[in-house]
N, C-alpha and C. Protein backbone atom coordinates (compact mmCIF):
# COMPACT_ATOMS: atom_id res chain seq x y z
N MET A 1 12.13 -56.12 -127.24
CA MET A 1 11.47 -54.87 -126.91
C MET A 1 9.96 -55.09 -126.95
N SER A 2 9.28 -54.73 -125.86
CA SER A 2 7.84 -54.96 -125.79
C SER A 2 7.07 -53.77 -126.35
N LEU A 3 5.91 -54.05 -126.86
CA LEU A 3 5.04 -53.03 -127.43
C LEU A 3 4.31 -52.32 -126.29
N MET A 4 4.33 -50.99 -126.29
CA MET A 4 3.60 -50.23 -125.29
C MET A 4 2.16 -50.07 -125.77
N HIS A 5 1.23 -50.46 -124.91
CA HIS A 5 -0.18 -50.33 -125.28
C HIS A 5 -0.61 -48.87 -125.18
N ARG A 6 -1.66 -48.56 -125.92
CA ARG A 6 -2.12 -47.19 -126.06
C ARG A 6 -3.57 -47.07 -125.60
N ALA A 7 -3.87 -45.97 -124.91
CA ALA A 7 -5.24 -45.65 -124.51
C ALA A 7 -5.65 -44.40 -125.28
N SER A 8 -6.60 -44.55 -126.18
CA SER A 8 -7.04 -43.40 -126.97
C SER A 8 -8.37 -42.83 -126.46
N ARG A 9 -8.87 -43.39 -125.36
CA ARG A 9 -10.09 -42.84 -124.76
C ARG A 9 -10.13 -43.16 -123.28
N ALA A 10 -10.86 -42.32 -122.56
CA ALA A 10 -11.10 -42.51 -121.13
C ALA A 10 -12.61 -42.67 -120.95
N LEU A 11 -12.99 -43.76 -120.34
CA LEU A 11 -14.41 -44.02 -120.10
C LEU A 11 -14.86 -43.28 -118.84
N PRO A 12 -16.06 -42.71 -118.85
CA PRO A 12 -16.50 -41.91 -117.70
C PRO A 12 -16.72 -42.77 -116.45
N ALA A 13 -16.58 -42.13 -115.30
CA ALA A 13 -16.85 -42.80 -114.02
C ALA A 13 -18.26 -43.36 -114.05
N GLY A 14 -18.42 -44.58 -113.61
CA GLY A 14 -19.72 -45.23 -113.59
C GLY A 14 -20.11 -45.86 -114.92
N GLY A 15 -19.31 -45.66 -115.98
CA GLY A 15 -19.64 -46.16 -117.30
C GLY A 15 -18.82 -47.36 -117.73
N TRP A 16 -18.23 -48.07 -116.77
CA TRP A 16 -17.38 -49.21 -117.10
C TRP A 16 -17.31 -50.13 -115.87
N SER A 17 -16.79 -51.33 -116.06
CA SER A 17 -16.54 -52.26 -114.94
C SER A 17 -15.42 -53.21 -115.34
N GLY A 18 -14.79 -53.80 -114.34
CA GLY A 18 -13.80 -54.84 -114.60
C GLY A 18 -12.42 -54.34 -114.96
N ALA A 19 -11.90 -53.34 -114.25
CA ALA A 19 -10.55 -52.85 -114.54
C ALA A 19 -9.51 -53.91 -114.20
N ALA A 20 -8.51 -54.04 -115.07
CA ALA A 20 -7.43 -54.99 -114.86
C ALA A 20 -6.36 -54.41 -113.94
N ASP A 21 -6.32 -53.11 -113.80
CA ASP A 21 -5.25 -52.44 -113.06
C ASP A 21 -5.75 -51.05 -112.70
N HIS A 22 -4.92 -50.29 -112.00
CA HIS A 22 -5.27 -48.91 -111.68
C HIS A 22 -4.02 -48.04 -111.68
N ILE A 23 -4.26 -46.75 -111.71
CA ILE A 23 -3.18 -45.76 -111.59
C ILE A 23 -3.69 -44.64 -110.70
N ALA A 24 -2.84 -44.21 -109.77
CA ALA A 24 -3.18 -43.10 -108.88
C ALA A 24 -2.46 -41.86 -109.39
N LEU A 25 -3.23 -40.83 -109.70
CA LEU A 25 -2.67 -39.59 -110.24
C LEU A 25 -3.07 -38.42 -109.34
N GLU A 26 -2.11 -37.53 -109.09
CA GLU A 26 -2.40 -36.31 -108.34
C GLU A 26 -3.19 -35.35 -109.23
N TYR A 27 -3.65 -34.26 -108.65
CA TYR A 27 -4.47 -33.27 -109.34
C TYR A 27 -3.85 -32.84 -110.67
N GLU A 28 -2.61 -32.40 -110.66
CA GLU A 28 -1.96 -31.95 -111.90
C GLU A 28 -1.85 -33.07 -112.92
N GLY A 29 -1.60 -34.28 -112.46
CA GLY A 29 -1.44 -35.42 -113.36
C GLY A 29 -2.74 -35.88 -114.00
N ARG A 30 -3.88 -35.46 -113.44
CA ARG A 30 -5.18 -35.84 -113.99
C ARG A 30 -5.67 -34.88 -115.07
N PHE A 31 -4.85 -33.94 -115.45
CA PHE A 31 -5.15 -32.99 -116.53
C PHE A 31 -4.18 -33.33 -117.65
N LEU A 32 -4.64 -34.11 -118.62
CA LEU A 32 -3.70 -34.60 -119.62
C LEU A 32 -4.36 -34.88 -120.96
N ARG A 33 -3.52 -34.99 -121.95
CA ARG A 33 -3.92 -35.42 -123.28
C ARG A 33 -3.02 -36.55 -123.76
N ARG A 34 -1.71 -36.34 -123.68
CA ARG A 34 -0.78 -37.35 -124.17
C ARG A 34 0.36 -37.49 -123.19
N LYS A 35 0.52 -38.72 -122.65
CA LYS A 35 1.56 -38.94 -121.65
C LYS A 35 1.78 -40.43 -121.46
N ARG A 36 3.05 -40.80 -121.21
CA ARG A 36 3.37 -42.18 -120.86
C ARG A 36 3.14 -42.34 -119.36
N LEU A 37 2.40 -43.38 -118.99
CA LEU A 37 2.08 -43.63 -117.59
C LEU A 37 2.46 -45.05 -117.20
N VAL A 38 2.59 -45.27 -115.90
CA VAL A 38 2.89 -46.60 -115.38
C VAL A 38 1.81 -46.94 -114.35
N ALA A 39 1.09 -48.04 -114.59
CA ALA A 39 0.02 -48.48 -113.70
C ALA A 39 0.62 -49.09 -112.43
N ALA A 40 -0.22 -49.36 -111.45
CA ALA A 40 0.23 -49.91 -110.17
C ALA A 40 0.99 -51.23 -110.33
N SER A 41 0.64 -52.01 -111.33
CA SER A 41 1.31 -53.30 -111.57
C SER A 41 2.69 -53.14 -112.20
N GLY A 42 3.01 -51.92 -112.65
CA GLY A 42 4.26 -51.68 -113.37
C GLY A 42 4.10 -51.65 -114.88
N ALA A 43 2.90 -51.96 -115.36
CA ALA A 43 2.64 -51.95 -116.80
C ALA A 43 2.67 -50.52 -117.34
N GLU A 44 3.46 -50.30 -118.39
CA GLU A 44 3.54 -48.99 -119.02
C GLU A 44 2.51 -48.90 -120.13
N PHE A 45 1.97 -47.71 -120.31
CA PHE A 45 1.04 -47.48 -121.42
C PHE A 45 1.08 -46.01 -121.80
N LEU A 46 0.65 -45.74 -123.01
CA LEU A 46 0.63 -44.38 -123.53
C LEU A 46 -0.81 -43.90 -123.58
N VAL A 47 -1.07 -42.78 -122.92
CA VAL A 47 -2.37 -42.12 -123.04
C VAL A 47 -2.24 -41.17 -124.22
N ASP A 48 -3.13 -41.31 -125.19
CA ASP A 48 -3.11 -40.48 -126.39
C ASP A 48 -4.54 -40.12 -126.73
N LEU A 49 -5.07 -39.14 -125.98
CA LEU A 49 -6.47 -38.75 -126.11
C LEU A 49 -6.63 -37.70 -127.21
N PRO A 50 -7.81 -37.61 -127.80
CA PRO A 50 -8.01 -36.63 -128.87
C PRO A 50 -7.96 -35.18 -128.39
N GLU A 51 -8.21 -34.96 -127.10
CA GLU A 51 -8.16 -33.61 -126.54
C GLU A 51 -7.81 -33.70 -125.06
N VAL A 52 -7.44 -32.57 -124.48
CA VAL A 52 -7.10 -32.52 -123.06
C VAL A 52 -8.33 -32.90 -122.24
N MET A 53 -8.11 -33.70 -121.21
CA MET A 53 -9.20 -34.09 -120.31
C MET A 53 -8.84 -33.72 -118.88
N ASN A 54 -9.86 -33.38 -118.12
CA ASN A 54 -9.74 -33.14 -116.69
C ASN A 54 -10.36 -34.34 -115.99
N LEU A 55 -9.53 -35.28 -115.57
CA LEU A 55 -10.02 -36.49 -114.93
C LEU A 55 -10.22 -36.23 -113.44
N ARG A 56 -11.35 -36.64 -112.90
CA ARG A 56 -11.67 -36.40 -111.50
C ARG A 56 -11.50 -37.64 -110.64
N GLY A 57 -11.19 -38.76 -111.26
CA GLY A 57 -11.08 -40.03 -110.54
C GLY A 57 -12.33 -40.85 -110.80
N GLY A 58 -12.15 -42.14 -111.00
CA GLY A 58 -13.27 -43.03 -111.29
C GLY A 58 -13.40 -43.36 -112.76
N GLU A 59 -12.70 -42.64 -113.63
CA GLU A 59 -12.69 -42.96 -115.05
C GLU A 59 -11.81 -44.20 -115.27
N ALA A 60 -11.80 -44.69 -116.50
CA ALA A 60 -10.91 -45.79 -116.85
C ALA A 60 -10.33 -45.54 -118.23
N PHE A 61 -9.01 -45.73 -118.34
CA PHE A 61 -8.37 -45.69 -119.65
C PHE A 61 -8.66 -47.01 -120.35
N ALA A 62 -9.12 -46.95 -121.58
CA ALA A 62 -9.39 -48.15 -122.38
C ALA A 62 -8.17 -48.40 -123.27
N LEU A 63 -7.42 -49.46 -122.98
CA LEU A 63 -6.23 -49.78 -123.75
C LEU A 63 -6.61 -50.47 -125.05
N ASP A 64 -5.72 -50.40 -126.02
CA ASP A 64 -5.99 -50.99 -127.34
C ASP A 64 -6.07 -52.51 -127.31
N ASP A 65 -5.65 -53.17 -126.21
CA ASP A 65 -5.78 -54.62 -126.10
C ASP A 65 -7.03 -55.04 -125.34
N GLY A 66 -7.89 -54.05 -125.00
CA GLY A 66 -9.17 -54.34 -124.33
C GLY A 66 -9.13 -54.18 -122.82
N ARG A 67 -7.95 -54.09 -122.23
CA ARG A 67 -7.87 -53.91 -120.76
C ARG A 67 -8.30 -52.50 -120.37
N LEU A 68 -8.78 -52.37 -119.14
CA LEU A 68 -9.15 -51.09 -118.56
C LEU A 68 -8.22 -50.78 -117.39
N ILE A 69 -7.77 -49.54 -117.32
CA ILE A 69 -6.94 -49.07 -116.21
C ILE A 69 -7.73 -47.98 -115.47
N GLU A 70 -8.12 -48.29 -114.24
CA GLU A 70 -8.90 -47.34 -113.44
C GLU A 70 -8.04 -46.15 -113.02
N VAL A 71 -8.61 -44.95 -113.09
CA VAL A 71 -7.95 -43.73 -112.63
C VAL A 71 -8.42 -43.45 -111.21
N ARG A 72 -7.45 -43.37 -110.30
CA ARG A 72 -7.74 -43.03 -108.91
C ARG A 72 -7.05 -41.71 -108.57
N CYS A 73 -7.60 -41.01 -107.60
CA CYS A 73 -6.96 -39.79 -107.13
C CYS A 73 -5.84 -40.17 -106.17
N GLY A 74 -4.63 -39.73 -106.48
CA GLY A 74 -3.48 -40.02 -105.62
C GLY A 74 -3.44 -39.10 -104.42
N LEU A 75 -2.71 -39.53 -103.41
CA LEU A 75 -2.51 -38.70 -102.22
C LEU A 75 -1.53 -37.58 -102.54
N GLU A 76 -1.79 -36.40 -102.02
CA GLU A 76 -0.89 -35.28 -102.21
C GLU A 76 -1.00 -34.35 -101.00
N PRO A 77 0.00 -33.49 -100.80
CA PRO A 77 -0.03 -32.59 -99.64
C PRO A 77 -1.11 -31.52 -99.79
N VAL A 78 -2.02 -31.49 -98.84
CA VAL A 78 -3.11 -30.51 -98.85
C VAL A 78 -3.19 -29.82 -97.49
N LEU A 79 -3.90 -28.71 -97.49
CA LEU A 79 -4.26 -28.03 -96.26
C LEU A 79 -5.74 -28.26 -96.03
N VAL A 80 -6.10 -28.78 -94.86
CA VAL A 80 -7.49 -28.97 -94.47
C VAL A 80 -7.86 -27.75 -93.64
N VAL A 81 -8.85 -27.00 -94.12
CA VAL A 81 -9.21 -25.71 -93.53
C VAL A 81 -10.59 -25.82 -92.90
N THR A 82 -10.70 -25.40 -91.64
CA THR A 82 -12.00 -25.35 -90.96
C THR A 82 -12.13 -23.98 -90.29
N GLY A 83 -13.36 -23.64 -89.98
CA GLY A 83 -13.66 -22.33 -89.39
C GLY A 83 -14.87 -21.75 -90.09
N ASP A 84 -14.89 -20.46 -90.30
CA ASP A 84 -15.97 -19.76 -90.99
C ASP A 84 -15.82 -20.03 -92.49
N LEU A 85 -16.36 -21.16 -92.94
CA LEU A 85 -16.08 -21.65 -94.30
C LEU A 85 -16.53 -20.69 -95.40
N THR A 86 -17.64 -20.02 -95.22
CA THR A 86 -18.09 -19.08 -96.25
C THR A 86 -17.07 -17.96 -96.44
N ARG A 87 -16.65 -17.37 -95.36
CA ARG A 87 -15.66 -16.29 -95.43
C ARG A 87 -14.33 -16.80 -95.98
N LEU A 88 -13.88 -17.95 -95.48
CA LEU A 88 -12.59 -18.49 -95.90
C LEU A 88 -12.62 -18.90 -97.38
N ALA A 89 -13.73 -19.48 -97.82
CA ALA A 89 -13.86 -19.86 -99.23
C ALA A 89 -13.81 -18.63 -100.13
N TRP A 90 -14.40 -17.53 -99.67
CA TRP A 90 -14.33 -16.30 -100.46
C TRP A 90 -12.89 -15.85 -100.65
N HIS A 91 -12.11 -15.85 -99.58
CA HIS A 91 -10.71 -15.42 -99.66
C HIS A 91 -9.89 -16.37 -100.54
N ILE A 92 -10.15 -17.66 -100.44
CA ILE A 92 -9.44 -18.64 -101.29
C ILE A 92 -9.81 -18.41 -102.75
N GLY A 93 -11.09 -18.26 -103.03
CA GLY A 93 -11.56 -18.04 -104.40
C GLY A 93 -11.05 -16.73 -104.97
N ASN A 94 -10.93 -15.71 -104.13
CA ASN A 94 -10.43 -14.43 -104.59
C ASN A 94 -8.98 -14.51 -105.06
N ARG A 95 -8.29 -15.57 -104.65
CA ARG A 95 -6.91 -15.79 -105.09
C ARG A 95 -6.83 -16.84 -106.20
N HIS A 96 -8.00 -17.17 -106.77
CA HIS A 96 -8.08 -18.10 -107.91
C HIS A 96 -7.39 -19.43 -107.60
N THR A 97 -7.58 -19.91 -106.38
CA THR A 97 -6.94 -21.14 -105.92
C THR A 97 -7.93 -22.30 -106.01
N PRO A 98 -7.55 -23.39 -106.66
CA PRO A 98 -8.44 -24.56 -106.67
C PRO A 98 -8.78 -24.98 -105.24
N CYS A 99 -10.05 -25.29 -105.01
CA CYS A 99 -10.52 -25.60 -103.66
C CYS A 99 -11.54 -26.74 -103.71
N GLN A 100 -11.36 -27.71 -102.85
CA GLN A 100 -12.32 -28.79 -102.67
C GLN A 100 -13.24 -28.36 -101.54
N ILE A 101 -14.52 -28.22 -101.84
CA ILE A 101 -15.49 -27.71 -100.87
C ILE A 101 -16.32 -28.88 -100.34
N GLU A 102 -16.27 -29.07 -99.03
CA GLU A 102 -17.05 -30.10 -98.36
C GLU A 102 -17.95 -29.43 -97.32
N THR A 103 -18.84 -30.18 -96.74
CA THR A 103 -19.79 -29.63 -95.77
C THR A 103 -19.11 -28.98 -94.58
N ASP A 104 -18.06 -29.60 -94.07
CA ASP A 104 -17.45 -29.13 -92.84
C ASP A 104 -15.98 -28.73 -92.97
N ARG A 105 -15.47 -28.67 -94.22
CA ARG A 105 -14.07 -28.30 -94.40
C ARG A 105 -13.79 -27.93 -95.85
N LEU A 106 -12.69 -27.23 -96.05
CA LEU A 106 -12.18 -26.90 -97.37
C LEU A 106 -10.81 -27.54 -97.50
N LEU A 107 -10.45 -27.97 -98.70
CA LEU A 107 -9.11 -28.48 -98.97
C LEU A 107 -8.49 -27.68 -100.09
N ILE A 108 -7.25 -27.26 -99.88
CA ILE A 108 -6.47 -26.63 -100.94
C ILE A 108 -5.11 -27.31 -100.96
N ARG A 109 -4.40 -27.14 -102.08
CA ARG A 109 -3.05 -27.69 -102.14
C ARG A 109 -2.17 -26.94 -101.16
N GLU A 110 -1.20 -27.64 -100.59
CA GLU A 110 -0.33 -27.04 -99.59
C GLU A 110 0.37 -25.81 -100.17
N ASP A 111 0.28 -24.70 -99.43
CA ASP A 111 0.88 -23.44 -99.85
C ASP A 111 1.11 -22.62 -98.58
N HIS A 112 2.38 -22.36 -98.25
CA HIS A 112 2.68 -21.69 -96.98
C HIS A 112 2.15 -20.26 -96.92
N VAL A 113 2.08 -19.57 -98.05
CA VAL A 113 1.56 -18.20 -98.06
C VAL A 113 0.07 -18.21 -97.75
N LEU A 114 -0.68 -19.10 -98.41
CA LEU A 114 -2.12 -19.19 -98.14
C LEU A 114 -2.38 -19.71 -96.73
N GLU A 115 -1.54 -20.61 -96.26
CA GLU A 115 -1.69 -21.11 -94.90
C GLU A 115 -1.57 -19.96 -93.89
N THR A 116 -0.59 -19.11 -94.06
CA THR A 116 -0.41 -17.95 -93.17
C THR A 116 -1.61 -17.02 -93.25
N MET A 117 -2.09 -16.75 -94.48
CA MET A 117 -3.25 -15.88 -94.66
C MET A 117 -4.46 -16.46 -93.94
N LEU A 118 -4.72 -17.75 -94.15
CA LEU A 118 -5.90 -18.37 -93.56
C LEU A 118 -5.84 -18.38 -92.04
N ARG A 119 -4.68 -18.69 -91.49
CA ARG A 119 -4.53 -18.64 -90.02
C ARG A 119 -4.78 -17.21 -89.51
N GLY A 120 -4.31 -16.22 -90.26
CA GLY A 120 -4.55 -14.82 -89.90
C GLY A 120 -6.02 -14.44 -89.92
N LEU A 121 -6.80 -15.16 -90.72
CA LEU A 121 -8.25 -14.94 -90.79
C LEU A 121 -9.01 -15.76 -89.76
N GLY A 122 -8.28 -16.47 -88.90
CA GLY A 122 -8.91 -17.25 -87.83
C GLY A 122 -9.20 -18.70 -88.17
N ALA A 123 -8.73 -19.17 -89.31
CA ALA A 123 -8.98 -20.56 -89.71
C ALA A 123 -8.13 -21.52 -88.90
N ARG A 124 -8.63 -22.73 -88.76
CA ARG A 124 -7.82 -23.83 -88.26
C ARG A 124 -7.32 -24.55 -89.51
N VAL A 125 -6.02 -24.77 -89.58
CA VAL A 125 -5.40 -25.34 -90.77
C VAL A 125 -4.56 -26.53 -90.36
N GLU A 126 -4.77 -27.65 -91.05
CA GLU A 126 -4.02 -28.87 -90.76
C GLU A 126 -3.40 -29.38 -92.06
N ARG A 127 -2.13 -29.73 -92.01
CA ARG A 127 -1.45 -30.32 -93.18
C ARG A 127 -1.72 -31.81 -93.18
N ARG A 128 -2.13 -32.32 -94.37
CA ARG A 128 -2.44 -33.75 -94.49
C ARG A 128 -2.04 -34.24 -95.88
N MET A 129 -2.02 -35.55 -96.04
CA MET A 129 -1.86 -36.20 -97.34
C MET A 129 -3.20 -36.85 -97.67
N GLU A 130 -3.89 -36.31 -98.67
CA GLU A 130 -5.21 -36.81 -99.06
C GLU A 130 -5.38 -36.67 -100.56
N PRO A 131 -6.35 -37.39 -101.13
CA PRO A 131 -6.71 -37.14 -102.53
C PRO A 131 -7.29 -35.72 -102.62
N PHE A 132 -7.04 -35.05 -103.75
CA PHE A 132 -7.51 -33.68 -103.93
C PHE A 132 -8.40 -33.61 -105.16
N ARG A 133 -9.68 -33.27 -104.94
CA ARG A 133 -10.66 -33.17 -106.03
C ARG A 133 -11.38 -31.83 -105.92
N PRO A 134 -10.73 -30.75 -106.37
CA PRO A 134 -11.36 -29.43 -106.25
C PRO A 134 -12.55 -29.27 -107.18
N GLU A 135 -13.32 -28.24 -106.88
CA GLU A 135 -14.44 -27.87 -107.75
C GLU A 135 -13.91 -27.61 -109.15
N SER A 136 -14.69 -27.98 -110.14
CA SER A 136 -14.30 -27.68 -111.52
C SER A 136 -14.51 -26.20 -111.79
N GLY A 137 -13.68 -25.65 -112.64
CA GLY A 137 -13.81 -24.23 -112.98
C GLY A 137 -15.05 -23.99 -113.82
N ALA A 138 -15.57 -22.80 -113.75
CA ALA A 138 -16.75 -22.44 -114.53
C ALA A 138 -16.41 -22.18 -115.99
N TYR A 139 -15.11 -21.98 -116.28
CA TYR A 139 -14.67 -21.67 -117.63
C TYR A 139 -13.58 -22.66 -118.03
N GLY A 140 -13.28 -22.73 -119.31
CA GLY A 140 -12.17 -23.57 -119.75
C GLY A 140 -12.54 -25.04 -119.79
N THR A 141 -11.60 -25.88 -119.41
CA THR A 141 -11.78 -27.33 -119.54
C THR A 141 -11.93 -27.99 -118.18
N GLY A 142 -12.69 -27.38 -117.29
CA GLY A 142 -12.95 -28.00 -116.01
C GLY A 142 -11.92 -27.69 -114.95
N ARG A 143 -11.07 -26.72 -115.18
CA ARG A 143 -10.07 -26.31 -114.21
C ARG A 143 -10.30 -24.85 -113.86
N THR A 144 -9.87 -24.47 -112.67
CA THR A 144 -9.92 -23.07 -112.30
C THR A 144 -8.86 -22.36 -113.10
N MET A 145 -9.29 -21.51 -114.00
CA MET A 145 -8.36 -20.78 -114.87
C MET A 145 -8.31 -19.33 -114.44
N GLY A 146 -7.18 -18.69 -114.66
CA GLY A 146 -7.07 -17.27 -114.40
C GLY A 146 -8.01 -16.51 -115.33
N HIS A 147 -8.31 -15.30 -114.97
CA HIS A 147 -9.14 -14.48 -115.84
C HIS A 147 -8.70 -13.02 -115.71
N ASP A 148 -9.23 -12.20 -116.57
CA ASP A 148 -8.81 -10.81 -116.65
C ASP A 148 -9.93 -9.90 -116.19
N HIS A 149 -9.63 -9.03 -115.21
CA HIS A 149 -10.61 -8.05 -114.74
C HIS A 149 -10.53 -6.75 -115.51
N GLY A 150 -9.62 -6.66 -116.45
CA GLY A 150 -9.43 -5.43 -117.20
C GLY A 150 -8.16 -4.72 -116.78
N PRO A 151 -7.81 -3.65 -117.50
CA PRO A 151 -6.51 -3.01 -117.27
C PRO A 151 -6.41 -2.23 -115.96
N PHE A 152 -7.52 -1.92 -115.30
CA PHE A 152 -7.46 -1.10 -114.10
C PHE A 152 -7.62 -1.89 -112.82
N HIS A 153 -7.70 -3.21 -112.90
CA HIS A 153 -7.85 -4.05 -111.71
C HIS A 153 -6.49 -4.56 -111.27
N VAL A 154 -6.20 -4.42 -109.98
CA VAL A 154 -4.91 -4.87 -109.45
C VAL A 154 -5.18 -5.82 -108.30
N HIS A 155 -4.50 -7.00 -108.32
CA HIS A 155 -4.56 -7.93 -107.18
C HIS A 155 -3.50 -7.51 -106.18
N LEU A 156 -3.90 -7.29 -104.97
CA LEU A 156 -2.95 -6.89 -103.92
C LEU A 156 -2.54 -8.07 -103.09
């Protein structure tokens, strides 16, 4: 039985070099504290961080044997949205949906209800497989979190 190596810290993007391996994680998988992972080479390791982290890609897990495992953003199903980006971004944000904002397009995770809404608003929507790196939330631990408007506010 082999010993599973442990990563008790993640080094920030740009703060390390010389990774021995890498792992591609989707958006949900990059929000973690403790989890068994398998790197691209097949090497298993345990991530055991002191607190939950929101990894954006480019970090490296520092294993207890000195090796570094680079964190990459994995491909996942997204909707690429183009059109009146200011208006469309407002509608996406009003639904508390994580959104990757670029100069000429918006990316959201694939969702048929939002796709229908956006097309109804005149957006051009394309389904693709791409890395997803949405804007970090203004509250919480770097994720878009729900919030409360009070007892008299209703989302329609």
